[in-house]
Amino acid sequence: MKVCKCPTCGVLHEAARATILAGLDEKQVYNCTHCRLCESPTENFVQLPNERDLQPDELGYPAAVVPWLHD
């Protein structure tokens, strides 16, 4: 997964496809489409293509759905 950054607060997230939203309730969908810290929408996120992938215990995990990776 690619790393992306919230331009509002700087938190890193892993970019994910919209398919991870399948079967989630409204609150879970919101959590996957907004920053974990400041709740900025993922449509504002900046892709960081040269960054290494995040590990499960690192800041920003789990993944967030970002518009440029939609199916």
Protein backbone atom coordinates (compact mmCIF):
# COMPACT_ATOMS: atom_id res chain seq x y z
CA MET A 1 0.00 0.00 0.00
CA LYS A 2 1.12 3.51 -0.73
CA VAL A 3 1.55 6.05 2.00
CA CYS A 4 -0.43 9.28 1.94
CA LYS A 5 -0.38 12.30 4.22
CA CYS A 6 -3.14 14.44 5.64
CA PRO A 7 -2.22 18.00 4.60
CA THR A 8 -4.10 19.46 7.57
CA CYS A 9 -2.34 17.72 10.47
CA GLY A 10 0.44 15.67 8.82
CA VAL A 11 -0.70 12.20 9.96
CA LEU A 12 0.36 9.40 7.62
CA HIS A 13 -2.13 6.84 6.34
CA GLU A 14 -1.95 3.90 3.97
CA ALA A 15 -3.90 4.38 0.76
CA ALA A 16 -6.50 1.69 0.04
CA ARG A 17 -9.08 0.91 -2.62
CA ALA A 18 -12.75 1.63 -2.08
CA THR A 19 -13.45 -2.10 -1.93
CA ILE A 20 -12.47 -2.09 1.77
CA LEU A 21 -15.73 -0.22 2.42
CA ALA A 22 -17.86 -3.21 1.42
CA GLY A 23 -20.01 -4.37 4.31
CA LEU A 24 -19.03 -1.58 6.71
CA ASP A 25 -21.53 0.48 8.66
CA GLU A 26 -21.79 4.27 8.39
CA LYS A 27 -19.34 4.99 11.22
CA GLN A 28 -16.73 2.57 9.86
CA VAL A 29 -17.03 4.10 6.37
CA TYR A 30 -16.50 7.56 7.88
CA ASN A 31 -13.39 6.32 9.70
CA CYS A 32 -11.97 4.95 6.43
CA THR A 33 -12.61 8.14 4.49
CA HIS A 34 -11.35 10.73 6.99
CA CYS A 35 -8.11 11.43 8.87
CA ARG A 36 -7.84 9.60 12.18
CA LEU A 37 -6.60 12.72 13.99
CA CYS A 38 -8.29 15.80 12.52
CA GLU A 39 -11.13 14.16 10.52
CA SER A 40 -10.11 15.88 7.28
CA PRO A 41 -11.62 14.04 4.26
CA THR A 42 -9.27 11.75 2.39
CA GLU A 43 -9.93 13.60 -0.87
CA ASN A 44 -7.45 16.18 0.48
CA PHE A 45 -4.67 13.67 1.18
CA VAL A 46 -1.35 13.94 -0.61
CA GLN A 47 0.23 10.80 -2.03
CA LEU A 48 3.84 10.11 -0.97
CA PRO A 49 5.05 7.66 -3.64
CA ASN A 50 8.66 7.43 -2.40
CA GLU A 51 7.77 6.48 1.19
CA ARG A 52 8.00 2.91 2.45
CA ASP A 53 4.82 1.07 3.37
CA LEU A 54 3.53 1.49 6.92
CA GLN A 55 3.52 -1.41 9.37
CA PRO A 56 0.35 -2.28 11.38
CA ASP A 57 1.72 -0.68 14.56
CA GLU A 58 2.73 2.62 12.97
CA LEU A 59 0.86 5.94 13.05
CA GLY A 60 -1.77 6.13 10.34
CA TYR A 61 -2.67 2.46 10.24
CA PRO A 62 -5.26 1.13 9.31
CA ALA A 63 -5.73 2.19 5.73
CA ALA A 64 -7.81 5.08 4.43
CA VAL A 65 -9.62 5.21 1.11
CA VAL A 66 -8.17 7.87 -1.13
CA PRO A 67 -9.87 9.04 -4.37
CA TRP A 68 -7.04 8.34 -6.81
CA LEU A 69 -7.15 4.62 -5.95
CA HIS A 70 -10.90 4.07 -6.39
CA ASP A 71 -11.86 1.11 -8.56
